[in-house]
């Protein structure tokens, strides 16, 4: 169950979140939550590139039904 909490944020951050939310098909709150998750994971894993963290979180959000099997391009004999 999700609860709602109001917070104050800088207007510039809000505007950036609104812009990104449109292109990422998220709500503004969803975009800020996503940034927070990526940021938290980046702080917990400073040795990993942020792009890797973001892609990993995105893959975890996909359903198993949408997953495709890995097929190597070539096989070594």
PDB file of N, CA and C in Angstrom:
ATOM      1  N   UNK A   1       0.843  -1.169   0.000  1.00  0.00           N
ATOM      2  CA  UNK A   1       0.000   0.000   0.000  1.00  0.00           C
ATOM      3  C   UNK A   1       0.893   1.238   0.000  1.00  0.00           C
ATOM      4  N   UNK A   2       0.570   2.173  -0.817  1.00  0.00           N
ATOM      5  CA  UNK A   2       1.344   3.401  -0.925  1.00  0.00           C
ATOM      6  C   UNK A   2       0.668   4.519  -0.148  1.00  0.00           C
ATOM      7  N   UNK A   3       1.470   5.310   0.529  1.00  0.00           N
ATOM      8  CA  UNK A   3       0.932   6.457   1.239  1.00  0.00           C
ATOM      9  C   UNK A   3       1.432   7.724   0.580  1.00  0.00           C
ATOM     10  N   UNK A   4       0.760   8.801   0.825  1.00  0.00           N
ATOM     11  CA  UNK A   4       1.106  10.076   0.226  1.00  0.00           C
ATOM     12  C   UNK A   4       1.612  11.021   1.312  1.00  0.00           C
ATOM     13  N   UNK A   5       2.749  11.649   1.029  1.00  0.00           N
ATOM     14  CA  UNK A   5       3.329  12.618   1.934  1.00  0.00           C
ATOM     15  C   UNK A   5       3.721  13.836   1.131  1.00  0.00           C
ATOM     16  N   UNK A   6       3.373  14.994   1.611  1.00  0.00           N
ATOM     17  CA  UNK A   6       3.738  16.229   0.925  1.00  0.00           C
ATOM     18  C   UNK A   6       5.102  16.690   1.404  1.00  0.00           C
ATOM     19  N   UNK A   7       5.924  17.125   0.449  1.00  0.00           N
ATOM     20  CA  UNK A   7       7.222  17.699   0.784  1.00  0.00           C
ATOM     21  C   UNK A   7       7.432  18.951  -0.054  1.00  0.00           C
ATOM     22  N   UNK A   8       8.328  19.804   0.396  1.00  0.00           N
ATOM     23  CA  UNK A   8       8.685  20.995  -0.367  1.00  0.00           C
ATOM     24  C   UNK A   8      10.004  20.731  -1.073  1.00  0.00           C
ATOM     25  N   UNK A   9      10.041  21.043  -2.357  1.00  0.00           N
ATOM     26  CA  UNK A   9      11.287  20.935  -3.109  1.00  0.00           C
ATOM     27  C   UNK A   9      11.485  22.211  -3.915  1.00  0.00           C
ATOM     28  N   UNK A  10      12.706  22.418  -4.327  1.00  0.00           N
ATOM     29  CA  UNK A  10      13.053  23.577  -5.129  1.00  0.00           C
ATOM     30  C   UNK A  10      12.256  23.566  -6.443  1.00  0.00           C
ATOM     31  N   UNK A  11      11.789  24.723  -6.865  1.00  0.00           N
ATOM     32  CA  UNK A  11      10.982  24.819  -8.083  1.00  0.00           C
ATOM     33  C   UNK A  11      11.751  24.330  -9.312  1.00  0.00           C
ATOM     34  N   UNK A  12      13.058  24.602  -9.353  1.00  0.00           N
ATOM     35  CA  UNK A  12      13.866  24.149 -10.493  1.00  0.00           C
ATOM     36  C   UNK A  12      13.887  22.632 -10.570  1.00  0.00           C
ATOM     37  N   UNK A  13      14.050  21.960  -9.425  1.00  0.00           N
ATOM     38  CA  UNK A  13      14.028  20.505  -9.395  1.00  0.00           C
ATOM     39  C   UNK A  13      12.665  19.984  -9.823  1.00  0.00           C
ATOM     40  N   UNK A  14      11.611  20.624  -9.368  1.00  0.00           N
ATOM     41  CA  UNK A  14      10.255  20.227  -9.755  1.00  0.00           C
ATOM     42  C   UNK A  14      10.076  20.342 -11.265  1.00  0.00           C
ATOM     43  N   UNK A  15      10.533  21.449 -11.839  1.00  0.00           N
ATOM     44  CA  UNK A  15      10.410  21.655 -13.288  1.00  0.00           C
ATOM     45  C   UNK A  15      11.213  20.621 -14.068  1.00  0.00           C
ATOM     46  N   UNK A  16      12.406  20.292 -13.582  1.00  0.00           N
ATOM     47  CA  UNK A  16      13.217  19.259 -14.232  1.00  0.00           C
ATOM     48  C   UNK A  16      12.527  17.905 -14.152  1.00  0.00           C
ATOM     49  N   UNK A  17      11.953  17.601 -13.001  1.00  0.00           N
ATOM     50  CA  UNK A  17      11.242  16.330 -12.835  1.00  0.00           C
ATOM     51  C   UNK A  17      10.031  16.259 -13.750  1.00  0.00           C
ATOM     52  N   UNK A  18       9.309  17.371 -13.880  1.00  0.00           N
ATOM     53  CA  UNK A  18       8.144  17.398 -14.770  1.00  0.00           C
ATOM     54  C   UNK A  18       8.563  17.124 -16.201  1.00  0.00           C
ATOM     55  N   UNK A  19       9.649  17.750 -16.638  1.00  0.00           N
ATOM     56  CA  UNK A  19      10.144  17.560 -18.001  1.00  0.00           C
ATOM     57  C   UNK A  19      10.573  16.112 -18.246  1.00  0.00           C
ATOM     58  N   UNK A  20      11.339  15.557 -17.320  1.00  0.00           N
ATOM     59  CA  UNK A  20      11.794  14.172 -17.454  1.00  0.00           C
ATOM     60  C   UNK A  20      10.632  13.188 -17.346  1.00  0.00           C
ATOM     61  N   UNK A  21       9.691  13.485 -16.484  1.00  0.00           N
ATOM     62  CA  UNK A  21       8.550  12.585 -16.274  1.00  0.00           C
ATOM     63  C   UNK A  21       7.760  12.396 -17.561  1.00  0.00           C
ATOM     64  N   UNK A  22       7.599  13.462 -18.325  1.00  0.00           N
ATOM     65  CA  UNK A  22       6.863  13.367 -19.590  1.00  0.00           C
ATOM     66  C   UNK A  22       7.582  12.421 -20.542  1.00  0.00           C
ATOM     67  N   UNK A  23       8.891  12.604 -20.689  1.00  0.00           N
ATOM     68  CA  UNK A  23       9.632  11.776 -21.646  1.00  0.00           C
ATOM     69  C   UNK A  23       9.801  10.338 -21.164  1.00  0.00           C
ATOM     70  N   UNK A  24       9.747  10.109 -19.860  1.00  0.00           N
ATOM     71  CA  UNK A  24       9.906   8.760 -19.302  1.00  0.00           C
ATOM     72  C   UNK A  24       8.575   8.090 -18.972  1.00  0.00           C
ATOM     73  N   UNK A  25       7.469   8.775 -19.272  1.00  0.00           N
ATOM     74  CA  UNK A  25       6.120   8.244 -19.023  1.00  0.00           C
ATOM     75  C   UNK A  25       5.908   7.909 -17.545  1.00  0.00           C
ATOM     76  N   UNK A  26       6.334   8.833 -16.685  1.00  0.00           N
ATOM     77  CA  UNK A  26       6.134   8.699 -15.248  1.00  0.00           C
ATOM     78  C   UNK A  26       5.381   9.918 -14.741  1.00  0.00           C
ATOM     79  N   UNK A  27       4.856   9.796 -13.536  1.00  0.00           N
ATOM     80  CA  UNK A  27       4.315  10.973 -12.861  1.00  0.00           C
ATOM     81  C   UNK A  27       5.504  11.782 -12.339  1.00  0.00           C
ATOM     82  N   UNK A  28       5.252  13.010 -11.939  1.00  0.00           N
ATOM     83  CA  UNK A  28       6.319  13.828 -11.369  1.00  0.00           C
ATOM     84  C   UNK A  28       6.832  13.169 -10.087  1.00  0.00           C
ATOM     85  N   UNK A  29       5.924  12.700  -9.253  1.00  0.00           N
ATOM     86  CA  UNK A  29       6.331  12.006  -8.027  1.00  0.00           C
ATOM     87  C   UNK A  29       7.115  10.737  -8.366  1.00  0.00           C
ATOM     88  N   UNK A  30       6.664  10.024  -9.380  1.00  0.00           N
ATOM     89  CA  UNK A  30       7.364   8.813  -9.805  1.00  0.00           C
ATOM     90  C   UNK A  30       8.768   9.108 -10.294  1.00  0.00           C
ATOM     91  N   UNK A  31       8.940  10.223 -10.987  1.00  0.00           N
ATOM     92  CA  UNK A  31      10.263  10.602 -11.477  1.00  0.00           C
ATOM     93  C   UNK A  31      11.197  10.921 -10.317  1.00  0.00           C
ATOM     94  N   UNK A  32      10.705  11.664  -9.335  1.00  0.00           N
ATOM     95  CA  UNK A  32      11.527  12.002  -8.177  1.00  0.00           C
ATOM     96  C   UNK A  32      11.855  10.742  -7.380  1.00  0.00           C
ATOM     97  N   UNK A  33      10.896   9.827  -7.239  1.00  0.00           N
ATOM     98  CA  UNK A  33      11.160   8.556  -6.561  1.00  0.00           C
ATOM     99  C   UNK A  33      12.222   7.757  -7.303  1.00  0.00           C
ATOM    100  N   UNK A  34      12.155   7.756  -8.629  1.00  0.00           N
ATOM    101  CA  UNK A  34      13.153   7.051  -9.438  1.00  0.00           C
ATOM    102  C   UNK A  34      14.541   7.642  -9.214  1.00  0.00           C
ATOM    103  N   UNK A  35      14.642   8.978  -9.266  1.00  0.00           N
ATOM    104  CA  UNK A  35      15.929   9.631  -9.011  1.00  0.00           C
ATOM    105  C   UNK A  35      16.455   9.273  -7.629  1.00  0.00           C
ATOM    106  N   UNK A  36      15.566   9.226  -6.651  1.00  0.00           N
ATOM    107  CA  UNK A  36      15.976   8.894  -5.289  1.00  0.00           C
ATOM    108  C   UNK A  36      16.506   7.458  -5.211  1.00  0.00           C
ATOM    109  N   UNK A  37      15.846   6.526  -5.889  1.00  0.00           N
ATOM    110  CA  UNK A  37      16.301   5.131  -5.895  1.00  0.00           C
ATOM    111  C   UNK A  37      17.663   5.001  -6.562  1.00  0.00           C
ATOM    112  N   UNK A  38      17.841   5.675  -7.699  1.00  0.00           N
ATOM    113  CA  UNK A  38      19.123   5.633  -8.401  1.00  0.00           C
ATOM    114  C   UNK A  38      20.209   6.262  -7.529  1.00  0.00           C
ATOM    115  N   UNK A  39      19.902   7.397  -6.930  1.00  0.00           N
ATOM    116  CA  UNK A  39      20.863   8.069  -6.068  1.00  0.00           C
ATOM    117  C   UNK A  39      21.252   7.244  -4.858  1.00  0.00           C
ATOM    118  N   UNK A  40      20.278   6.617  -4.233  1.00  0.00           N
ATOM    119  CA  UNK A  40      20.549   5.770  -3.070  1.00  0.00           C
ATOM    120  C   UNK A  40      21.431   4.586  -3.468  1.00  0.00           C
ATOM    121  N   UNK A  41      21.100   3.945  -4.598  1.00  0.00           N
ATOM    122  CA  UNK A  41      21.896   2.809  -5.067  1.00  0.00           C
ATOM    123  C   UNK A  41      23.305   3.254  -5.461  1.00  0.00           C
ATOM    124  N   UNK A  42      23.440   4.450  -6.032  1.00  0.00           N
ATOM    125  CA  UNK A  42      24.760   4.967  -6.399  1.00  0.00           C
ATOM    126  C   UNK A  42      25.606   5.228  -5.164  1.00  0.00           C
ATOM    127  N   UNK A  43      24.994   5.761  -4.116  1.00  0.00           N
ATOM    128  CA  UNK A  43      25.725   5.985  -2.873  1.00  0.00           C
ATOM    129  C   UNK A  43      26.131   4.665  -2.214  1.00  0.00           C
ATOM    130  N   UNK A  44      25.274   3.665  -2.322  1.00  0.00           N
ATOM    131  CA  UNK A  44      25.567   2.356  -1.739  1.00  0.00           C
ATOM    132  C   UNK A  44      26.611   1.581  -2.542  1.00  0.00           C
ATOM    133  N   UNK A  45      26.765   1.938  -3.824  1.00  0.00           N
ATOM    134  CA  UNK A  45      27.681   1.235  -4.729  1.00  0.00           C
ATOM    135  C   UNK A  45      28.544   2.228  -5.500  1.00  0.00           C
ATOM    136  N   UNK A  46      29.446   2.928  -4.828  1.00  0.00           N
ATOM    137  CA  UNK A  46      30.207   3.991  -5.483  1.00  0.00           C
ATOM    138  C   UNK A  46      31.135   3.510  -6.597  1.00  0.00           C
ATOM    139  N   UNK A  47      31.417   2.209  -6.642  1.00  0.00           N
ATOM    140  CA  UNK A  47      32.289   1.677  -7.677  1.00  0.00           C
ATOM    141  C   UNK A  47      31.562   1.394  -8.989  1.00  0.00           C
ATOM    142  N   UNK A  48      30.240   1.485  -9.001  1.00  0.00           N
ATOM    143  CA  UNK A  48      29.465   1.205 -10.210  1.00  0.00           C
ATOM    144  C   UNK A  48      29.075   2.498 -10.918  1.00  0.00           C
ATOM    145  N   UNK A  49      29.104   2.492 -12.259  1.00  0.00           N
ATOM    146  CA  UNK A  49      28.648   3.674 -12.997  1.00  0.00           C
ATOM    147  C   UNK A  49      27.144   3.890 -12.788  1.00  0.00           C
ATOM    148  N   UNK A  50      26.730   5.134 -12.724  1.00  0.00           N
ATOM    149  CA  UNK A  50      25.320   5.457 -12.511  1.00  0.00           C
ATOM    150  C   UNK A  50      24.459   4.878 -13.629  1.00  0.00           C
ATOM    151  N   UNK A  51      24.957   4.898 -14.862  1.00  0.00           N
ATOM    152  CA  UNK A  51      24.177   4.346 -15.976  1.00  0.00           C
ATOM    153  C   UNK A  51      23.906   2.857 -15.774  1.00  0.00           C
ATOM    154  N   UNK A  52      24.881   2.122 -15.246  1.00  0.00           N
ATOM    155  CA  UNK A  52      24.686   0.703 -14.961  1.00  0.00           C
ATOM    156  C   UNK A  52      23.628   0.509 -13.887  1.00  0.00           C
ATOM    157  N   UNK A  53      23.674   1.340 -12.861  1.00  0.00           N
ATOM    158  CA  UNK A  53      22.693   1.262 -11.778  1.00  0.00           C
ATOM    159  C   UNK A  53      21.290   1.535 -12.312  1.00  0.00           C
ATOM    160  N   UNK A  54      21.152   2.582 -13.119  1.00  0.00           N
ATOM    161  CA  UNK A  54      19.840   2.934 -13.673  1.00  0.00           C
ATOM    162  C   UNK A  54      19.297   1.808 -14.547  1.00  0.00           C
ATOM    163  N   UNK A  55      20.167   1.232 -15.391  1.00  0.00           N
ATOM    164  CA  UNK A  55      19.729   0.135 -16.261  1.00  0.00           C
ATOM    165  C   UNK A  55      19.371  -1.106 -15.445  1.00  0.00           C
ATOM    166  N   UNK A  56      20.115  -1.357 -14.379  1.00  0.00           N
ATOM    167  CA  UNK A  56      19.822  -2.509 -13.522  1.00  0.00           C
ATOM    168  C   UNK A  56      18.482  -2.350 -12.822  1.00  0.00           C
ATOM    169  N   UNK A  57      18.208  -1.147 -12.312  1.00  0.00           N
ATOM    170  CA  UNK A  57      16.911  -0.905 -11.673  1.00  0.00           C
ATOM    171  C   UNK A  57      15.771  -1.034 -12.678  1.00  0.00           C
ATOM    172  N   UNK A  58      15.994  -0.576 -13.900  1.00  0.00           N
ATOM    173  CA  UNK A  58      14.962  -0.702 -14.934  1.00  0.00           C
ATOM    174  C   UNK A  58      14.696  -2.171 -15.252  1.00  0.00           C
ATOM    175  N   UNK A  59      15.757  -2.971 -15.322  1.00  0.00           N
ATOM    176  CA  UNK A  59      15.561  -4.383 -15.639  1.00  0.00           C
ATOM    177  C   UNK A  59      14.853  -5.117 -14.498  1.00  0.00           C
ATOM    178  N   UNK A  60      15.104  -4.700 -13.259  1.00  0.00           N
ATOM    179  CA  UNK A  60      14.417  -5.317 -12.129  1.00  0.00           C
ATOM    180  C   UNK A  60      12.923  -4.993 -12.128  1.00  0.00           C
ATOM    181  N   UNK A  61      12.559  -3.869 -12.720  1.00  0.00           N
ATOM    182  CA  UNK A  61      11.159  -3.456 -12.757  1.00  0.00           C
ATOM    183  C   UNK A  61      10.372  -4.175 -13.854  1.00  0.00           C
ATOM    184  N   UNK A  62      11.073  -4.776 -14.819  1.00  0.00           N
ATOM    185  CA  UNK A  62      10.384  -5.491 -15.906  1.00  0.00           C
ATOM    186  C   UNK A  62       9.821  -6.805 -15.380  1.00  0.00           C
ATOM    187  N   UNK A  63       8.699  -7.200 -15.952  1.00  0.00           N
ATOM    188  CA  UNK A  63       8.126  -8.488 -15.558  1.00  0.00           C
ATOM    189  C   UNK A  63       8.886  -9.607 -16.262  1.00  0.00           C
ATOM    190  N   UNK A  64       8.890 -10.775 -15.650  1.00  0.00           N
ATOM    191  CA  UNK A  64       9.583 -11.926 -16.240  1.00  0.00           C
ATOM    192  C   UNK A  64       8.954 -12.322 -17.568  1.00  0.00           C
ATOM    193  N   UNK A  65       7.665 -12.045 -17.735  1.00  0.00           N
ATOM    194  CA  UNK A  65       6.981 -12.392 -18.980  1.00  0.00           C
ATOM    195  C   UNK A  65       7.529 -11.591 -20.164  1.00  0.00           C
ATOM    196  N   UNK A  66       8.066 -10.401 -19.893  1.00  0.00           N
ATOM    197  CA  UNK A  66       8.610  -9.565 -20.958  1.00  0.00           C
ATOM    198  C   UNK A  66      10.078  -9.861 -21.250  1.00  0.00           C
ATOM    199  N   UNK A  67      10.720 -10.667 -20.420  1.00  0.00           N
ATOM    200  CA  UNK A  67      12.139 -10.954 -20.573  1.00  0.00           C
ATOM    201  C   UNK A  67      12.385 -11.837 -21.793  1.00  0.00           C
ATOM    202  N   UNK A  68      13.524 -11.635 -22.412  1.00  0.00           N
ATOM    203  CA  UNK A  68      13.930 -12.480 -23.531  1.00  0.00           C
ATOM    204  C   UNK A  68      15.164 -13.263 -23.126  1.00  0.00           C
ATOM    205  N   UNK A  69      15.280 -14.467 -23.659  1.00  0.00           N
ATOM    206  CA  UNK A  69      16.435 -15.297 -23.350  1.00  0.00           C
ATOM    207  C   UNK A  69      17.689 -14.726 -23.977  1.00  0.00           C
ATOM    208  N   UNK A  70      18.801 -14.867 -23.290  1.00  0.00           N
ATOM    209  CA  UNK A  70      20.074 -14.434 -23.825  1.00  0.00           C
ATOM    210  C   UNK A  70      20.530 -15.411 -24.890  1.00  0.00           C
ATOM    211  N   UNK A  71      20.877 -14.893 -26.045  1.00  0.00           N
ATOM    212  CA  UNK A  71      21.392 -15.719 -27.132  1.00  0.00           C
ATOM    213  C   UNK A  71      22.727 -15.132 -27.542  1.00  0.00           C
ATOM    214  N   UNK A  72      23.830 -15.862 -27.317  1.00  0.00           N
ATOM    215  CA  UNK A  72      25.133 -15.326 -27.699  1.00  0.00           C
ATOM    216  C   UNK A  72      25.237 -15.189 -29.216  1.00  0.00           C
ATOM    217  N   UNK A  73      25.960 -14.180 -29.665  1.00  0.00           N
ATOM    218  CA  UNK A  73      26.126 -13.962 -31.113  1.00  0.00           C
ATOM    219  C   UNK A  73      26.997 -15.038 -31.748  1.00  0.00           C
ATOM    220  N   UNK A  74      27.960 -15.501 -31.008  1.00  0.00           N
ATOM    221  CA  UNK A  74      28.825 -16.565 -31.547  1.00  0.00           C
ATOM    222  C   UNK A  74      29.182 -17.504 -30.412  1.00  0.00           C
ATOM    223  N   UNK A  75      29.473 -18.703 -30.791  1.00  0.00           N
ATOM    224  CA  UNK A  75      29.869 -19.708 -29.802  1.00  0.00           C
ATOM    225  C   UNK A  75      31.255 -20.206 -30.164  1.00  0.00           C
ATOM    226  N   UNK A  76      32.094 -20.274 -29.142  1.00  0.00           N
ATOM    227  CA  UNK A  76      33.451 -20.778 -29.367  1.00  0.00           C
ATOM    228  C   UNK A  76      33.441 -22.291 -29.230  1.00  0.00           C
ATOM    229  N   UNK A  77      34.121 -22.932 -30.134  1.00  0.00           N
ATOM    230  CA  UNK A  77      34.156 -24.395 -30.109  1.00  0.00           C
ATOM    231  C   UNK A  77      35.245 -24.909 -29.210  1.00  0.00           C
TER     232      UNK A  77
END
